[in-house]
Structures are given as C-alpha cells and as structure tokens.
Amino acid sequence: MRNERVEDLLATDYHKIEALSASGAKSLLRSPAHYLAMKETFKEPTPAMRLGTAVHTMILEPEKFEDEIAVMPKFDKRTNIGKKAIEEWSADQSGKCVIDHYQHERAKQIAESVWAHPFFIERVNGGRSESTLLWEQYGVQCKARLDYCKGETIFDVKTCQDASPE
C-alpha cells in the first residue's frame, strides 16, 4: 500500500481494507487479544451508535440519508400483525442503519442545530466529507476515514450526552 488519499470510497469498502485504524490501535494498546477479538467479533450497534450514524449522515452526507438510514415506522409490537409487519419491513432494510421515530426526530434537531451554527457554516464550504487516508507507518499498513476535511482542518462529528470538559 502506498500513501494516498481516496475520495468517494464507500464505508463498506473502507471497512474491508486490511489495515490498522484508530479504533484498532486503541484495542491493540489494551492487548493483542482485545485487538483480535475486535476484528473477529461482530458487535451489534447500540442505539447511541445508530443515532450517531444518523446524525453524521444528516450533517455530512444528507443526500445519502435515504439510501443508508431506515426510519422504522411505528408498529404495534404486542400483536401478531404488528410483529409480522416489523419482520416484513425489516427484510427490506438490509444493510441500512435502522433508527426509530424518536431517534430520527432527535437526529434532525441535532443536524439542524449544527447547520445553524455560524462557526460550522463558515468552515465547511468547499471541503470534502468521508475522505480515506492510507499509509504505512513503522511497517504497518494504516487507514483513517476523515469525517470532513477542508484544507488542513479536519472535522470529526460526534454525539454525546454531555460536552463539558469534565
């Protein structure tokens, strides 16, 4: 692998690249066993992770929202009809991040708040979202996916319960 910056690489293709990422490096620092377990085990995204994905997509790639995020309609999960409807609806959402109505409303509020902030608006015009960096360091193939980059400035979109320094 050579040092390069790749634009328009799908997230699924990025995750297939055999290289050390920041999350992999954090696991490796804990122990090699943790790193191997992380690589070999599928971890179901938590509701907080799904909300973060929805917010990220709404802010940085709103044109991809309908293709990548599915908002689950309200179903009566207490009835057999409702359970069957959920099953049928879910079958059509393969590969999408599924969020519920409440997460969707919350994600919209967060995205609207970010897009209304003058600091953000000033800095994002003319940049690129989801650039992939590939390089070798100390003989190790490495990778990174930049949420948003404009010139020398990199934005990393995160959701959290509390953004205070503590």
C-alpha atoms as a PDB file:
ATOM      1  CA  MET A   1       0.000   0.000   0.000  1.00  0.00           C
ATOM      2  CA  ARG A   2       1.297   3.437  -0.799  1.00  0.00           C
ATOM      3  CA  ASN A   3       0.462   6.712   0.881  1.00  0.00           C
ATOM      4  CA  GLU A   4      -2.713   8.008  -0.691  1.00  0.00           C
ATOM      5  CA  ARG A   5      -5.955   9.866  -0.170  1.00  0.00           C
ATOM      6  CA  VAL A   6      -9.028   8.214  -1.650  1.00  0.00           C
ATOM      7  CA  GLU A   7     -12.268  10.092  -2.273  1.00  0.00           C
ATOM      8  CA  ASP A   8     -15.720   8.542  -2.729  1.00  0.00           C
ATOM      9  CA  LEU A   9     -14.844   5.186  -1.141  1.00  0.00           C
ATOM     10  CA  LEU A  10     -17.912   3.516   0.328  1.00  0.00           C
ATOM     11  CA  ALA A  11     -17.802   2.910   4.080  1.00  0.00           C
ATOM     12  CA  THR A  12     -18.323  -0.827   3.492  1.00  0.00           C
ATOM     13  CA  ASP A  13     -15.257  -0.896   1.232  1.00  0.00           C
ATOM     14  CA  TYR A  14     -13.231   1.112   3.754  1.00  0.00           C
ATOM     15  CA  HIS A  15     -14.013  -1.416   6.487  1.00  0.00           C
ATOM     16  CA  LYS A  16     -12.820  -4.276   4.238  1.00  0.00           C
ATOM     17  CA  ILE A  17      -9.330  -2.769   3.922  1.00  0.00           C
ATOM     18  CA  GLU A  18      -6.852  -4.804   5.988  1.00  0.00           C
ATOM     19  CA  ALA A  19      -5.031  -2.030   7.820  1.00  0.00           C
ATOM     20  CA  LEU A  20      -4.760  -0.647  11.334  1.00  0.00           C
ATOM     21  CA  SER A  21      -7.330   2.038  12.174  1.00  0.00           C
ATOM     22  CA  ALA A  22      -7.568   4.307  15.227  1.00  0.00           C
ATOM     23  CA  SER A  23     -10.118   2.019  16.895  1.00  0.00           C
ATOM     24  CA  GLY A  24      -7.922  -0.982  16.111  1.00  0.00           C
ATOM     25  CA  ALA A  25      -4.901   0.784  17.601  1.00  0.00           C
ATOM     26  CA  LYS A  26      -6.870   1.551  20.782  1.00  0.00           C
ATOM     27  CA  SER A  27      -7.793  -2.133  21.127  1.00  0.00           C
ATOM     28  CA  LEU A  28      -4.226  -3.195  20.410  1.00  0.00           C
ATOM     29  CA  LEU A  29      -2.938  -0.886  23.157  1.00  0.00           C
ATOM     30  CA  ARG A  30      -5.244  -2.669  25.575  1.00  0.00           C
ATOM     31  CA  SER A  31      -3.892  -6.072  24.483  1.00  0.00           C
ATOM     32  CA  PRO A  32      -3.330  -8.137  21.330  1.00  0.00           C
ATOM     33  CA  ALA A  33      -6.179 -10.431  22.466  1.00  0.00           C
ATOM     34  CA  HIS A  34      -8.584  -7.477  22.603  1.00  0.00           C
ATOM     35  CA  TYR A  35      -7.497  -6.448  19.094  1.00  0.00           C
ATOM     36  CA  LEU A  36      -8.081  -9.924  17.678  1.00  0.00           C
ATOM     37  CA  ALA A  37     -11.448 -10.204  19.420  1.00  0.00           C
ATOM     38  CA  MET A  38     -12.487  -6.842  17.999  1.00  0.00           C
ATOM     39  CA  LYS A  39     -11.529  -7.924  14.470  1.00  0.00           C
ATOM     40  CA  GLU A  40     -13.219 -11.327  14.695  1.00  0.00           C
ATOM     41  CA  THR A  41     -16.437 -10.432  16.500  1.00  0.00           C
ATOM     42  CA  PHE A  42     -19.383  -8.552  15.039  1.00  0.00           C
ATOM     43  CA  LYS A  43     -20.698  -6.040  17.534  1.00  0.00           C
ATOM     44  CA  GLU A  44     -24.323  -5.042  17.068  1.00  0.00           C
ATOM     45  CA  PRO A  45     -24.551  -1.229  17.030  1.00  0.00           C
ATOM     46  CA  THR A  46     -26.127   0.211  20.164  1.00  0.00           C
ATOM     47  CA  PRO A  47     -28.989   2.728  19.931  1.00  0.00           C
ATOM     48  CA  ALA A  48     -26.464   5.502  20.710  1.00  0.00           C
ATOM     49  CA  MET A  49     -24.225   4.312  17.865  1.00  0.00           C
ATOM     50  CA  ARG A  50     -27.176   4.223  15.449  1.00  0.00           C
ATOM     51  CA  LEU A  51     -28.158   7.764  16.486  1.00  0.00           C
ATOM     52  CA  GLY A  52     -24.570   8.880  15.887  1.00  0.00           C
ATOM     53  CA  THR A  53     -24.600   7.326  12.415  1.00  0.00           C
ATOM     54  CA  ALA A  54     -27.876   9.079  11.564  1.00  0.00           C
ATOM     55  CA  VAL A  55     -26.585  12.446  12.828  1.00  0.00           C
ATOM     56  CA  HIS A  56     -23.313  12.003  10.965  1.00  0.00           C
ATOM     57  CA  THR A  57     -25.135  11.221   7.712  1.00  0.00           C
ATOM     58  CA  MET A  58     -27.610  14.112   8.097  1.00  0.00           C
ATOM     59  CA  ILE A  59     -24.808  16.607   8.694  1.00  0.00           C
ATOM     60  CA  LEU A  60     -22.138  15.460   6.261  1.00  0.00           C
ATOM     61  CA  GLU A  61     -23.919  13.413   3.590  1.00  0.00           C
ATOM     62  CA  PRO A  62     -27.616  14.320   3.659  1.00  0.00           C
ATOM     63  CA  GLU A  63     -28.039  13.162   0.072  1.00  0.00           C
ATOM     64  CA  LYS A  64     -27.254   9.589   1.212  1.00  0.00           C
ATOM     65  CA  PHE A  65     -29.654   9.549   4.165  1.00  0.00           C
ATOM     66  CA  GLU A  66     -32.477   7.616   2.485  1.00  0.00           C
ATOM     67  CA  ASP A  67     -30.067   5.063   0.998  1.00  0.00           C
ATOM     68  CA  GLU A  68     -28.186   4.403   4.253  1.00  0.00           C
ATOM     69  CA  ILE A  69     -30.639   5.065   7.099  1.00  0.00           C
ATOM     70  CA  ALA A  70     -34.065   3.472   7.601  1.00  0.00           C
ATOM     71  CA  VAL A  71     -36.576   5.069   9.948  1.00  0.00           C
ATOM     72  CA  MET A  72     -38.756   2.344  11.433  1.00  0.00           C
ATOM     73  CA  PRO A  73     -42.459   3.148  11.277  1.00  0.00           C
ATOM     74  CA  LYS A  74     -44.462   2.764  14.460  1.00  0.00           C
ATOM     75  CA  PHE A  75     -45.690  -0.824  14.775  1.00  0.00           C
ATOM     76  CA  ASP A  76     -47.821  -2.390  17.487  1.00  0.00           C
ATOM     77  CA  LYS A  77     -45.278  -4.945  18.689  1.00  0.00           C
ATOM     78  CA  ARG A  78     -47.847  -6.536  21.004  1.00  0.00           C
ATOM     79  CA  THR A  79     -49.860  -8.066  18.161  1.00  0.00           C
ATOM     80  CA  ASN A  80     -49.014 -10.839  15.721  1.00  0.00           C
ATOM     81  CA  ILE A  81     -49.913  -8.493  12.858  1.00  0.00           C
ATOM     82  CA  GLY A  82     -47.506  -5.871  14.192  1.00  0.00           C
ATOM     83  CA  LYS A  83     -44.746  -8.429  14.683  1.00  0.00           C
ATOM     84  CA  LYS A  84     -45.239  -9.720  11.137  1.00  0.00           C
ATOM     85  CA  ALA A  85     -45.232  -6.154   9.760  1.00  0.00           C
ATOM     86  CA  ILE A  86     -41.920  -5.417  11.545  1.00  0.00           C
ATOM     87  CA  GLU A  87     -40.428  -8.607  10.134  1.00  0.00           C
ATOM     88  CA  GLU A  88     -41.508  -7.752   6.574  1.00  0.00           C
ATOM     89  CA  TRP A  89     -40.372  -4.137   6.845  1.00  0.00           C
ATOM     90  CA  SER A  90     -37.017  -5.152   8.317  1.00  0.00           C
ATOM     91  CA  ALA A  91     -36.347  -7.589   5.479  1.00  0.00           C
ATOM     92  CA  ASP A  92     -36.410  -4.646   3.053  1.00  0.00           C
ATOM     93  CA  GLN A  93     -33.828  -2.656   5.052  1.00  0.00           C
ATOM     94  CA  SER A  94     -30.816  -4.910   4.528  1.00  0.00           C
ATOM     95  CA  GLY A  95     -27.536  -3.075   5.009  1.00  0.00           C
ATOM     96  CA  LYS A  96     -29.162   0.082   6.359  1.00  0.00           C
ATOM     97  CA  CYS A  97     -28.762   1.586   9.799  1.00  0.00           C
ATOM     98  CA  VAL A  98     -32.222   1.318  11.387  1.00  0.00           C
ATOM     99  CA  ILE A  99     -33.403   4.029  13.767  1.00  0.00           C
ATOM    100  CA  ASP A 100     -36.782   4.614  15.348  1.00  0.00           C
ATOM    101  CA  HIS A 101     -39.035   7.664  15.002  1.00  0.00           C
ATOM    102  CA  TYR A 102     -37.681   9.280  18.183  1.00  0.00           C
ATOM    103  CA  GLN A 103     -34.044   8.848  17.117  1.00  0.00           C
ATOM    104  CA  HIS A 104     -34.938  10.331  13.728  1.00  0.00           C
ATOM    105  CA  GLU A 105     -36.501  13.414  15.325  1.00  0.00           C
ATOM    106  CA  ARG A 106     -33.519  13.818  17.658  1.00  0.00           C
ATOM    107  CA  ALA A 107     -31.045  13.418  14.781  1.00  0.00           C
ATOM    108  CA  LYS A 108     -32.899  16.085  12.779  1.00  0.00           C
ATOM    109  CA  GLN A 109     -32.766  18.500  15.713  1.00  0.00           C
ATOM    110  CA  ILE A 110     -29.043  17.928  16.205  1.00  0.00           C
ATOM    111  CA  ALA A 111     -28.262  18.313  12.487  1.00  0.00           C
ATOM    112  CA  GLU A 112     -30.351  21.481  12.220  1.00  0.00           C
ATOM    113  CA  SER A 113     -28.535  22.919  15.240  1.00  0.00           C
ATOM    114  CA  VAL A 114     -25.126  22.187  13.706  1.00  0.00           C
ATOM    115  CA  TRP A 115     -26.087  23.636  10.320  1.00  0.00           C
ATOM    116  CA  ALA A 116     -27.438  26.770  12.025  1.00  0.00           C
ATOM    117  CA  HIS A 117     -24.159  27.431  13.830  1.00  0.00           C
ATOM    118  CA  PRO A 118     -22.095  30.186  12.131  1.00  0.00           C
ATOM    119  CA  PHE A 119     -18.766  28.587  13.159  1.00  0.00           C
ATOM    120  CA  PHE A 120     -19.664  25.401  11.290  1.00  0.00           C
ATOM    121  CA  ILE A 121     -21.114  27.126   8.230  1.00  0.00           C
ATOM    122  CA  GLU A 122     -18.020  29.304   7.789  1.00  0.00           C
ATOM    123  CA  ARG A 123     -15.697  26.338   7.843  1.00  0.00           C
ATOM    124  CA  VAL A 124     -17.391  23.661   5.748  1.00  0.00           C
ATOM    125  CA  ASN A 125     -17.877  25.363   2.387  1.00  0.00           C
ATOM    126  CA  GLY A 126     -15.541  23.831  -0.170  1.00  0.00           C
ATOM    127  CA  GLY A 127     -14.395  20.816   1.844  1.00  0.00           C
ATOM    128  CA  ARG A 128     -14.843  17.065   1.372  1.00  0.00           C
ATOM    129  CA  SER A 129     -16.642  14.522   3.501  1.00  0.00           C
ATOM    130  CA  GLU A 130     -15.518  10.945   4.057  1.00  0.00           C
ATOM    131  CA  SER A 131     -12.007  11.044   2.620  1.00  0.00           C
ATOM    132  CA  THR A 132      -9.942   7.922   3.236  1.00  0.00           C
ATOM    133  CA  LEU A 133      -6.245   8.070   4.058  1.00  0.00           C
ATOM    134  CA  LEU A 134      -3.999   5.038   3.524  1.00  0.00           C
ATOM    135  CA  TRP A 135      -0.344   4.906   4.568  1.00  0.00           C
ATOM    136  CA  GLU A 136       2.409   2.767   6.010  1.00  0.00           C
ATOM    137  CA  GLN A 137       3.954   3.586   9.374  1.00  0.00           C
ATOM    138  CA  TYR A 138       6.691   1.531  11.046  1.00  0.00           C
ATOM    139  CA  GLY A 139       5.993  -1.260   8.561  1.00  0.00           C
ATOM    140  CA  VAL A 140       2.283  -1.345   9.457  1.00  0.00           C
ATOM    141  CA  GLN A 141      -0.463  -0.609   6.943  1.00  0.00           C
ATOM    142  CA  CYS A 142      -2.732   2.098   8.395  1.00  0.00           C
ATOM    143  CA  LYS A 143      -6.023   3.690   7.444  1.00  0.00           C
ATOM    144  CA  ALA A 144      -8.210   6.577   8.542  1.00  0.00           C
ATOM    145  CA  ARG A 145     -11.548   7.942   7.412  1.00  0.00           C
ATOM    146  CA  LEU A 146     -11.901  11.685   7.843  1.00  0.00           C
ATOM    147  CA  ASP A 147     -15.429  12.822   8.573  1.00  0.00           C
ATOM    148  CA  TYR A 148     -14.843  16.149   6.863  1.00  0.00           C
ATOM    149  CA  CYS A 149     -11.721  17.899   5.663  1.00  0.00           C
ATOM    150  CA  LYS A 150     -11.138  21.383   4.313  1.00  0.00           C
ATOM    151  CA  GLY A 151      -7.551  22.373   3.717  1.00  0.00           C
ATOM    152  CA  GLU A 152      -5.618  21.482   6.856  1.00  0.00           C
ATOM    153  CA  THR A 153      -8.724  21.356   9.077  1.00  0.00           C
ATOM    154  CA  ILE A 154     -10.350  18.035   9.941  1.00  0.00           C
ATOM    155  CA  PHE A 155     -13.826  17.810  11.486  1.00  0.00           C
ATOM    156  CA  ASP A 156     -14.851  14.726  13.434  1.00  0.00           C
ATOM    157  CA  VAL A 157     -18.585  14.578  14.134  1.00  0.00           C
ATOM    158  CA  LYS A 158     -19.503  13.031  17.484  1.00  0.00           C
ATOM    159  CA  THR A 159     -22.671  12.789  19.530  1.00  0.00           C
ATOM    160  CA  CYS A 160     -22.528  12.729  23.307  1.00  0.00           C
ATOM    161  CA  GLN A 161     -24.649  13.113  26.404  1.00  0.00           C
ATOM    162  CA  ASP A 162     -22.520  15.925  27.831  1.00  0.00           C
ATOM    163  CA  ALA A 163     -19.911  18.023  26.035  1.00  0.00           C
ATOM    164  CA  SER A 164     -18.494  19.667  29.149  1.00  0.00           C
ATOM    165  CA  PRO A 165     -14.723  19.364  29.751  1.00  0.00           C
ATOM    166  CA  GLU A 166     -15.311  17.161  32.788  1.00  0.00           C
END
